[in-house]
Amino acid sequence: MPDRTQVTVRLLPDEIAWSATVHASGSAEIELDPSPETIGLERGALVEIESSDTLSLGKVVAREGTRILVAVEHTVDLHKLARIQEVWDAAKA
């Protein structure tokens, strides 16, 4: 995920969703500038972060002022997933 990307953050398993901006990202962490609605999103929460390109699953490890730091456990490239689904569906036909 490139820096300053708009994403959707979902609290799991409730699937309550908020929008947020990625402030910085790496392979193991994503730092978010949350929207005002994410006030209840606290340390230890399991979250799904979806951009137009990727889906990441992780856990909120810190909340400092207006920033949320998520430790990423799994990331899926959505374009590659779509291609796999196309091949899978073609093989079933």
PDB file of N, CA and C in Angstrom:
ATOM      1  N   MET A   1       0.839  -1.169   0.000  1.00  0.00           N
ATOM      2  CA  MET A   1       0.000   0.000   0.000  1.00  0.00           C
ATOM      3  C   MET A   1       0.890   1.240   0.000  1.00  0.00           C
ATOM      4  N   PRO A   2       0.774   2.100  -0.972  1.00  0.00           N
ATOM      5  CA  PRO A   2       1.569   3.329  -0.959  1.00  0.00           C
ATOM      6  C   PRO A   2       1.104   4.272   0.139  1.00  0.00           C
ATOM      7  N   ASP A   3       1.988   5.192   0.520  1.00  0.00           N
ATOM      8  CA  ASP A   3       1.635   6.153   1.563  1.00  0.00           C
ATOM      9  C   ASP A   3       0.463   7.030   1.117  1.00  0.00           C
ATOM     10  N   ARG A   4      -0.323   7.490   2.094  1.00  0.00           N
ATOM     11  CA  ARG A   4      -1.453   8.411   1.911  1.00  0.00           C
ATOM     12  C   ARG A   4      -2.582   7.801   1.078  1.00  0.00           C
ATOM     13  N   THR A   5      -2.813   6.536   1.218  1.00  0.00           N
ATOM     14  CA  THR A   5      -3.889   5.834   0.533  1.00  0.00           C
ATOM     15  C   THR A   5      -5.137   5.830   1.397  1.00  0.00           C
ATOM     16  N   GLN A   6      -6.299   6.046   0.790  1.00  0.00           N
ATOM     17  CA  GLN A   6      -7.566   5.922   1.507  1.00  0.00           C
ATOM     18  C   GLN A   6      -7.892   4.442   1.629  1.00  0.00           C
ATOM     19  N   VAL A   7      -8.281   4.011   2.805  1.00  0.00           N
ATOM     20  CA  VAL A   7      -8.607   2.611   3.045  1.00  0.00           C
ATOM     21  C   VAL A   7      -9.893   2.512   3.847  1.00  0.00           C
ATOM     22  N   THR A   8     -10.422   1.296   3.879  1.00  0.00           N
ATOM     23  CA  THR A   8     -11.542   0.972   4.753  1.00  0.00           C
ATOM     24  C   THR A   8     -11.005   0.068   5.844  1.00  0.00           C
ATOM     25  N   VAL A   9     -11.298   0.412   7.088  1.00  0.00           N
ATOM     26  CA  VAL A   9     -10.860  -0.380   8.235  1.00  0.00           C
ATOM     27  C   VAL A   9     -12.100  -1.018   8.839  1.00  0.00           C
ATOM     28  N   ARG A  10     -12.067  -2.353   8.998  1.00  0.00           N
ATOM     29  CA  ARG A  10     -13.199  -3.061   9.595  1.00  0.00           C
ATOM     30  C   ARG A  10     -12.758  -3.715  10.889  1.00  0.00           C
ATOM     31  N   LEU A  11     -13.531  -3.504  11.925  1.00  0.00           N
ATOM     32  CA  LEU A  11     -13.311  -4.161  13.202  1.00  0.00           C
ATOM     33  C   LEU A  11     -13.843  -5.576  13.086  1.00  0.00           C
ATOM     34  N   LEU A  12     -13.029  -6.561  13.414  1.00  0.00           N
ATOM     35  CA  LEU A  12     -13.453  -7.960  13.320  1.00  0.00           C
ATOM     36  C   LEU A  12     -13.784  -8.496  14.705  1.00  0.00           C
ATOM     37  N   PRO A  13     -14.749  -9.336  14.875  1.00  0.00           N
ATOM     38  CA  PRO A  13     -15.608  -9.950  13.870  1.00  0.00           C
ATOM     39  C   PRO A  13     -16.866  -9.144  13.561  1.00  0.00           C
ATOM     40  N   ASP A  14     -17.038  -7.974  14.198  1.00  0.00           N
ATOM     41  CA  ASP A  14     -18.270  -7.201  14.052  1.00  0.00           C
ATOM     42  C   ASP A  14     -18.470  -6.605  12.664  1.00  0.00           C
ATOM     43  N   GLU A  15     -17.390  -6.400  11.930  1.00  0.00           N
ATOM     44  CA  GLU A  15     -17.402  -5.803  10.602  1.00  0.00           C
ATOM     45  C   GLU A  15     -17.897  -4.365  10.593  1.00  0.00           C
ATOM     46  N   ILE A  16     -17.795  -3.676  11.727  1.00  0.00           N
ATOM     47  CA  ILE A  16     -18.055  -2.237  11.756  1.00  0.00           C
ATOM     48  C   ILE A  16     -16.939  -1.589  10.945  1.00  0.00           C
ATOM     49  N   ALA A  17     -17.279  -0.699  10.009  1.00  0.00           N
ATOM     50  CA  ALA A  17     -16.270  -0.156   9.092  1.00  0.00           C
ATOM     51  C   ALA A  17     -16.121   1.349   9.224  1.00  0.00           C
ATOM     52  N   TRP A  18     -14.875   1.819   9.028  1.00  0.00           N
ATOM     53  CA  TRP A  18     -14.545   3.236   9.014  1.00  0.00           C
ATOM     54  C   TRP A  18     -13.613   3.508   7.852  1.00  0.00           C
ATOM     55  N   SER A  19     -13.544   4.739   7.427  1.00  0.00           N
ATOM     56  CA  SER A  19     -12.529   5.111   6.446  1.00  0.00           C
ATOM     57  C   SER A  19     -11.343   5.682   7.205  1.00  0.00           C
ATOM     58  N   ALA A  20     -10.163   5.561   6.607  1.00  0.00           N
ATOM     59  CA  ALA A  20      -8.948   6.094   7.223  1.00  0.00           C
ATOM     60  C   ALA A  20      -7.946   6.358   6.112  1.00  0.00           C
ATOM     61  N   THR A  21      -6.894   7.077   6.435  1.00  0.00           N
ATOM     62  CA  THR A  21      -5.811   7.341   5.501  1.00  0.00           C
ATOM     63  C   THR A  21      -4.561   6.648   6.017  1.00  0.00           C
ATOM     64  N   VAL A  22      -3.869   5.928   5.127  1.00  0.00           N
ATOM     65  CA  VAL A  22      -2.605   5.299   5.506  1.00  0.00           C
ATOM     66  C   VAL A  22      -1.569   6.404   5.586  1.00  0.00           C
ATOM     67  N   HIS A  23      -0.973   6.554   6.761  1.00  0.00           N
ATOM     68  CA  HIS A  23       0.077   7.557   6.958  1.00  0.00           C
ATOM     69  C   HIS A  23       1.420   6.988   6.513  1.00  0.00           C
ATOM     70  N   ALA A  24       1.670   5.738   6.828  1.00  0.00           N
ATOM     71  CA  ALA A  24       2.898   5.052   6.431  1.00  0.00           C
ATOM     72  C   ALA A  24       2.612   3.560   6.459  1.00  0.00           C
ATOM     73  N   SER A  25       3.318   2.813   5.627  1.00  0.00           N
ATOM     74  CA  SER A  25       3.105   1.375   5.639  1.00  0.00           C
ATOM     75  C   SER A  25       4.397   0.656   5.303  1.00  0.00           C
ATOM     76  N   GLY A  26       4.484  -0.533   5.817  1.00  0.00           N
ATOM     77  CA  GLY A  26       5.584  -1.433   5.529  1.00  0.00           C
ATOM     78  C   GLY A  26       4.996  -2.823   5.440  1.00  0.00           C
ATOM     79  N   SER A  27       5.841  -3.822   5.312  1.00  0.00           N
ATOM     80  CA  SER A  27       5.312  -5.174   5.180  1.00  0.00           C
ATOM     81  C   SER A  27       4.739  -5.689   6.491  1.00  0.00           C
ATOM     82  N   ALA A  28       5.177  -5.130   7.628  1.00  0.00           N
ATOM     83  CA  ALA A  28       4.733  -5.644   8.912  1.00  0.00           C
ATOM     84  C   ALA A  28       3.837  -4.682   9.693  1.00  0.00           C
ATOM     85  N   GLU A  29       3.781  -3.403   9.295  1.00  0.00           N
ATOM     86  CA  GLU A  29       2.994  -2.427  10.032  1.00  0.00           C
ATOM     87  C   GLU A  29       2.321  -1.440   9.093  1.00  0.00           C
ATOM     88  N   ILE A  30       1.157  -0.970   9.516  1.00  0.00           N
ATOM     89  CA  ILE A  30       0.455   0.097   8.805  1.00  0.00           C
ATOM     90  C   ILE A  30       0.096   1.150   9.837  1.00  0.00           C
ATOM     91  N   GLU A  31       0.463   2.392   9.562  1.00  0.00           N
ATOM     92  CA  GLU A  31       0.109   3.495  10.450  1.00  0.00           C
ATOM     93  C   GLU A  31      -1.017   4.276   9.802  1.00  0.00           C
ATOM     94  N   LEU A  32      -2.109   4.451  10.540  1.00  0.00           N
ATOM     95  CA  LEU A  32      -3.305   5.087  10.009  1.00  0.00           C
ATOM     96  C   LEU A  32      -3.555   6.437  10.638  1.00  0.00           C
ATOM     97  N   ASP A  33      -4.038   7.369   9.833  1.00  0.00           N
ATOM     98  CA  ASP A  33      -4.647   8.603  10.314  1.00  0.00           C
ATOM     99  C   ASP A  33      -6.137   8.300  10.306  1.00  0.00           C
ATOM    100  N   PRO A  34      -6.722   8.002  11.433  1.00  0.00           N
ATOM    101  CA  PRO A  34      -8.120   7.547  11.434  1.00  0.00           C
ATOM    102  C   PRO A  34      -9.112   8.675  11.228  1.00  0.00           C
ATOM    103  N   SER A  35     -10.298   8.289  10.847  1.00  0.00           N
ATOM    104  CA  SER A  35     -11.401   9.232  10.777  1.00  0.00           C
ATOM    105  C   SER A  35     -11.958   9.400  12.184  1.00  0.00           C
ATOM    106  N   PRO A  36     -12.753  10.419  12.425  1.00  0.00           N
ATOM    107  CA  PRO A  36     -13.310  10.640  13.771  1.00  0.00           C
ATOM    108  C   PRO A  36     -14.141   9.459  14.290  1.00  0.00           C
ATOM    109  N   GLU A  37     -14.701   8.648  13.410  1.00  0.00           N
ATOM    110  CA  GLU A  37     -15.544   7.533  13.833  1.00  0.00           C
ATOM    111  C   GLU A  37     -14.760   6.416  14.504  1.00  0.00           C
ATOM    112  N   THR A  38     -13.448   6.373  14.357  1.00  0.00           N
ATOM    113  CA  THR A  38     -12.651   5.257  14.886  1.00  0.00           C
ATOM    114  C   THR A  38     -12.285   5.436  16.352  1.00  0.00           C
ATOM    115  N   ILE A  39     -12.929   6.341  17.032  1.00  0.00           N
ATOM    116  CA  ILE A  39     -12.613   6.614  18.431  1.00  0.00           C
ATOM    117  C   ILE A  39     -12.639   5.331  19.276  1.00  0.00           C
ATOM    118  N   GLY A  40     -13.547   4.418  19.026  1.00  0.00           N
ATOM    119  CA  GLY A  40     -13.648   3.186  19.801  1.00  0.00           C
ATOM    120  C   GLY A  40     -12.651   2.108  19.425  1.00  0.00           C
ATOM    121  N   LEU A  41     -11.850   2.312  18.410  1.00  0.00           N
ATOM    122  CA  LEU A  41     -10.893   1.309  17.947  1.00  0.00           C
ATOM    123  C   LEU A  41      -9.667   1.347  18.851  1.00  0.00           C
ATOM    124  N   GLU A  42      -9.544   0.362  19.732  1.00  0.00           N
ATOM    125  CA  GLU A  42      -8.511   0.376  20.764  1.00  0.00           C
ATOM    126  C   GLU A  42      -7.451  -0.694  20.552  1.00  0.00           C
ATOM    127  N   ARG A  43      -6.391  -0.595  21.332  1.00  0.00           N
ATOM    128  CA  ARG A  43      -5.281  -1.545  21.293  1.00  0.00           C
ATOM    129  C   ARG A  43      -5.809  -2.966  21.513  1.00  0.00           C
ATOM    130  N   GLY A  44      -5.311  -3.917  20.718  1.00  0.00           N
ATOM    131  CA  GLY A  44      -5.728  -5.308  20.804  1.00  0.00           C
ATOM    132  C   GLY A  44      -6.840  -5.680  19.846  1.00  0.00           C
ATOM    133  N   ALA A  45      -7.480  -4.693  19.230  1.00  0.00           N
ATOM    134  CA  ALA A  45      -8.580  -4.966  18.294  1.00  0.00           C
ATOM    135  C   ALA A  45      -8.054  -5.638  17.027  1.00  0.00           C
ATOM    136  N   LEU A  46      -8.779  -6.631  16.539  1.00  0.00           N
ATOM    137  CA  LEU A  46      -8.450  -7.275  15.268  1.00  0.00           C
ATOM    138  C   LEU A  46      -9.135  -6.498  14.158  1.00  0.00           C
ATOM    139  N   VAL A  47      -8.372  -6.191  13.093  1.00  0.00           N
ATOM    140  CA  VAL A  47      -8.916  -5.364  12.016  1.00  0.00           C
ATOM    141  C   VAL A  47      -8.556  -5.918  10.647  1.00  0.00           C
ATOM    142  N   GLU A  48      -9.383  -5.534   9.693  1.00  0.00           N
ATOM    143  CA  GLU A  48      -9.158  -5.791   8.275  1.00  0.00           C
ATOM    144  C   GLU A  48      -8.986  -4.413   7.642  1.00  0.00           C
ATOM    145  N   ILE A  49      -7.929  -4.237   6.839  1.00  0.00           N
ATOM    146  CA  ILE A  49      -7.679  -2.968   6.162  1.00  0.00           C
ATOM    147  C   ILE A  49      -7.700  -3.238   4.662  1.00  0.00           C
ATOM    148  N   GLU A  50      -8.644  -2.592   3.968  1.00  0.00           N
ATOM    149  CA  GLU A  50      -8.801  -2.839   2.534  1.00  0.00           C
ATOM    150  C   GLU A  50      -8.567  -1.557   1.738  1.00  0.00           C
ATOM    151  N   SER A  51      -7.658  -1.656   0.767  1.00  0.00           N
ATOM    152  CA  SER A  51      -7.449  -0.580  -0.202  1.00  0.00           C
ATOM    153  C   SER A  51      -7.908  -1.108  -1.546  1.00  0.00           C
ATOM    154  N   SER A  52      -7.695  -0.350  -2.595  1.00  0.00           N
ATOM    155  CA  SER A  52      -8.095  -0.822  -3.927  1.00  0.00           C
ATOM    156  C   SER A  52      -7.211  -1.976  -4.399  1.00  0.00           C
ATOM    157  N   ASP A  53      -6.020  -2.124  -3.814  1.00  0.00           N
ATOM    158  CA  ASP A  53      -5.072  -3.142  -4.267  1.00  0.00           C
ATOM    159  C   ASP A  53      -4.876  -4.307  -3.309  1.00  0.00           C
ATOM    160  N   THR A  54      -5.039  -4.069  -2.006  1.00  0.00           N
ATOM    161  CA  THR A  54      -4.697  -5.096  -1.029  1.00  0.00           C
ATOM    162  C   THR A  54      -5.726  -5.214   0.080  1.00  0.00           C
ATOM    163  N   LEU A  55      -5.700  -6.374   0.702  1.00  0.00           N
ATOM    164  CA  LEU A  55      -6.491  -6.648   1.888  1.00  0.00           C
ATOM    165  C   LEU A  55      -5.507  -7.134   2.947  1.00  0.00           C
ATOM    166  N   SER A  56      -5.451  -6.444   4.088  1.00  0.00           N
ATOM    167  CA  SER A  56      -4.530  -6.812   5.156  1.00  0.00           C
ATOM    168  C   SER A  56      -5.317  -7.122   6.410  1.00  0.00           C
ATOM    169  N   LEU A  57      -4.838  -8.123   7.155  1.00  0.00           N
ATOM    170  CA  LEU A  57      -5.431  -8.474   8.437  1.00  0.00           C
ATOM    171  C   LEU A  57      -4.383  -8.233   9.508  1.00  0.00           C
ATOM    172  N   GLY A  58      -4.788  -7.619  10.617  1.00  0.00           N
ATOM    173  CA  GLY A  58      -3.823  -7.337  11.655  1.00  0.00           C
ATOM    174  C   GLY A  58      -4.472  -6.982  12.970  1.00  0.00           C
ATOM    175  N   LYS A  59      -3.642  -6.485  13.866  1.00  0.00           N
ATOM    176  CA  LYS A  59      -4.062  -6.161  15.223  1.00  0.00           C
ATOM    177  C   LYS A  59      -3.555  -4.783  15.594  1.00  0.00           C
ATOM    178  N   VAL A  60      -4.414  -3.974  16.200  1.00  0.00           N
ATOM    179  CA  VAL A  60      -4.013  -2.654  16.659  1.00  0.00           C
ATOM    180  C   VAL A  60      -3.030  -2.848  17.817  1.00  0.00           C
ATOM    181  N   VAL A  61      -1.806  -2.326  17.649  1.00  0.00           N
ATOM    182  CA  VAL A  61      -0.791  -2.469  18.693  1.00  0.00           C
ATOM    183  C   VAL A  61      -0.545  -1.168  19.434  1.00  0.00           C
ATOM    184  N   ALA A  62      -0.956  -0.049  18.862  1.00  0.00           N
ATOM    185  CA  ALA A  62      -0.782   1.239  19.547  1.00  0.00           C
ATOM    186  C   ALA A  62      -1.783   2.244  19.013  1.00  0.00           C
ATOM    187  N   ARG A  63      -2.188   3.114  19.894  1.00  0.00           N
ATOM    188  CA  ARG A  63      -3.029   4.247  19.518  1.00  0.00           C
ATOM    189  C   ARG A  63      -2.463   5.450  20.245  1.00  0.00           C
ATOM    190  N   GLU A  64      -1.856   6.348  19.481  1.00  0.00           N
ATOM    191  CA  GLU A  64      -1.194   7.510  20.055  1.00  0.00           C
ATOM    192  C   GLU A  64      -1.773   8.764  19.424  1.00  0.00           C
ATOM    193  N   GLY A  65      -2.526   9.507  20.194  1.00  0.00           N
ATOM    194  CA  GLY A  65      -3.123  10.731  19.674  1.00  0.00           C
ATOM    195  C   GLY A  65      -4.014  10.449  18.492  1.00  0.00           C
ATOM    196  N   THR A  66      -3.636  10.965  17.345  1.00  0.00           N
ATOM    197  CA  THR A  66      -4.449  10.803  16.141  1.00  0.00           C
ATOM    198  C   THR A  66      -3.915   9.710  15.219  1.00  0.00           C
ATOM    199  N   ARG A  67      -3.052   8.836  15.714  1.00  0.00           N
ATOM    200  CA  ARG A  67      -2.494   7.758  14.886  1.00  0.00           C
ATOM    201  C   ARG A  67      -2.820   6.398  15.474  1.00  0.00           C
ATOM    202  N   ILE A  68      -3.054   5.440  14.587  1.00  0.00           N
ATOM    203  CA  ILE A  68      -3.282   4.052  14.975  1.00  0.00           C
ATOM    204  C   ILE A  68      -2.222   3.213  14.267  1.00  0.00           C
ATOM    205  N   LEU A  69      -1.517   2.358  15.020  1.00  0.00           N
ATOM    206  CA  LEU A  69      -0.507   1.473  14.446  1.00  0.00           C
ATOM    207  C   LEU A  69      -1.042   0.051  14.471  1.00  0.00           C
ATOM    208  N   VAL A  70      -1.063  -0.576  13.284  1.00  0.00           N
ATOM    209  CA  VAL A  70      -1.566  -1.937  13.138  1.00  0.00           C
ATOM    210  C   VAL A  70      -0.411  -2.848  12.745  1.00  0.00           C
ATOM    211  N   ALA A  71      -0.214  -3.930  13.514  1.00  0.00           N
ATOM    212  CA  ALA A  71       0.758  -4.965  13.154  1.00  0.00           C
ATOM    213  C   ALA A  71       0.062  -5.896  12.161  1.00  0.00           C
ATOM    214  N   VAL A  72       0.609  -6.000  10.957  1.00  0.00           N
ATOM    215  CA  VAL A  72      -0.004  -6.789   9.882  1.00  0.00           C
ATOM    216  C   VAL A  72       0.419  -8.255  10.010  1.00  0.00           C
ATOM    217  N   GLU A  73      -0.585  -9.133  10.029  1.00  0.00           N
ATOM    218  CA  GLU A  73      -0.333 -10.573  10.097  1.00  0.00           C
ATOM    219  C   GLU A  73      -0.385 -11.216   8.714  1.00  0.00           C
ATOM    220  N   HIS A  74      -1.329 -10.768   7.874  1.00  0.00           N
ATOM    221  CA  HIS A  74      -1.524 -11.344   6.540  1.00  0.00           C
ATOM    222  C   HIS A  74      -1.908 -10.240   5.561  1.00  0.00           C
ATOM    223  N   THR A  75      -1.403 -10.354   4.326  1.00  0.00           N
ATOM    224  CA  THR A  75      -1.765  -9.416   3.260  1.00  0.00           C
ATOM    225  C   THR A  75      -2.047 -10.206   1.988  1.00  0.00           C
ATOM    226  N   VAL A  76      -3.120  -9.818   1.293  1.00  0.00           N
ATOM    227  CA  VAL A  76      -3.498 -10.452   0.038  1.00  0.00           C
ATOM    228  C   VAL A  76      -3.535  -9.382  -1.042  1.00  0.00           C
ATOM    229  N   ASP A  77      -2.863  -9.635  -2.157  1.00  0.00           N
ATOM    230  CA  ASP A  77      -2.921  -8.758  -3.321  1.00  0.00           C
ATOM    231  C   ASP A  77      -4.242  -9.057  -4.033  1.00  0.00           C
ATOM    232  N   LEU A  78      -5.147  -8.101  -4.077  1.00  0.00           N
ATOM    233  CA  LEU A  78      -6.480  -8.337  -4.628  1.00  0.00           C
ATOM    234  C   LEU A  78      -6.473  -8.584  -6.131  1.00  0.00           C
ATOM    235  N   HIS A  79      -5.501  -8.017  -6.859  1.00  0.00           N
ATOM    236  CA  HIS A  79      -5.411  -8.258  -8.305  1.00  0.00           C
ATOM    237  C   HIS A  79      -4.980  -9.700  -8.572  1.00  0.00           C
ATOM    238  N   LYS A  80      -4.024 -10.191  -7.798  1.00  0.00           N
ATOM    239  CA  LYS A  80      -3.589 -11.582  -7.945  1.00  0.00           C
ATOM    240  C   LYS A  80      -4.709 -12.533  -7.551  1.00  0.00           C
ATOM    241  N   LEU A  81      -5.439 -12.182  -6.492  1.00  0.00           N
ATOM    242  CA  LEU A  81      -6.563 -13.012  -6.070  1.00  0.00           C
ATOM    243  C   LEU A  81      -7.620 -13.095  -7.170  1.00  0.00           C
ATOM    244  N   ALA A  82      -7.906 -11.983  -7.832  1.00  0.00           N
ATOM    245  CA  ALA A  82      -8.880 -11.975  -8.922  1.00  0.00           C
ATOM    246  C   ALA A  82      -8.416 -12.879 -10.063  1.00  0.00           C
ATOM    247  N   ARG A  83      -7.129 -12.855 -10.350  1.00  0.00           N
ATOM    248  CA  ARG A  83      -6.579 -13.703 -11.429  1.00  0.00           C
ATOM    249  C   ARG A  83      -6.689 -15.181 -11.056  1.00  0.00           C
ATOM    250  N   ILE A  84      -6.400 -15.505  -9.797  1.00  0.00           N
ATOM    251  CA  ILE A  84      -6.530 -16.885  -9.326  1.00  0.00           C
ATOM    252  C   ILE A  84      -7.983 -17.342  -9.443  1.00  0.00           C
ATOM    253  N   GLN A  85      -8.921 -16.469  -9.085  1.00  0.00           N
ATOM    254  CA  GLN A  85     -10.335 -16.814  -9.188  1.00  0.00           C
ATOM    255  C   GLN A  85     -10.739 -17.055 -10.635  1.00  0.00           C
ATOM    256  N   GLU A  86     -10.198 -16.263 -11.579  1.00  0.00           N
ATOM    257  CA  GLU A  86     -10.488 -16.469 -13.002  1.00  0.00           C
ATOM    258  C   GLU A  86     -10.007 -17.831 -13.455  1.00  0.00           C
ATOM    259  N   VAL A  87      -8.794 -18.191 -13.099  1.00  0.00           N
ATOM    260  CA  VAL A  87      -8.226 -19.496 -13.485  1.00  0.00           C
ATOM    261  C   VAL A  87      -9.027 -20.623 -12.835  1.00  0.00           C
ATOM    262  N   TRP A  88      -9.380 -20.443 -11.579  1.00  0.00           N
ATOM    263  CA  TRP A  88     -10.163 -21.451 -10.853  1.00  0.00           C
ATOM    264  C   TRP A  88     -11.507 -21.665 -11.537  1.00  0.00           C
ATOM    265  N   ASP A  89     -12.196 -20.563 -11.858  1.00  0.00           N
ATOM    266  CA  ASP A  89     -13.512 -20.667 -12.500  1.00  0.00           C
ATOM    267  C   ASP A  89     -13.409 -21.296 -13.890  1.00  0.00           C
ATOM    268  N   ALA A  90     -12.347 -20.970 -14.632  1.00  0.00           N
ATOM    269  CA  ALA A  90     -12.151 -21.552 -15.968  1.00  0.00           C
ATOM    270  C   ALA A  90     -11.915 -23.059 -15.867  1.00  0.00           C
ATOM    271  N   ALA A  91     -11.215 -23.488 -14.839  1.00  0.00           N
ATOM    272  CA  ALA A  91     -10.924 -24.899 -14.674  1.00  0.00           C
ATOM    273  C   ALA A  91     -12.182 -25.677 -14.313  1.00  0.00           C
ATOM    274  N   LYS A  92     -13.126 -25.042 -13.636  1.00  0.00           N
ATOM    275  CA  LYS A  92     -14.384 -25.705 -13.261  1.00  0.00           C
ATOM    276  C   LYS A  92     -15.351 -25.785 -14.432  1.00  0.00           C
ATOM    277  N   ALA A  93     -15.153 -24.973 -15.441  1.00  0.00           N
ATOM    278  CA  ALA A  93     -16.098 -24.939 -16.583  1.00  0.00           C
ATOM    279  C   ALA A  93     -15.923 -26.108 -17.509  1.00  0.00           C
TER     280      ALA A  93
END
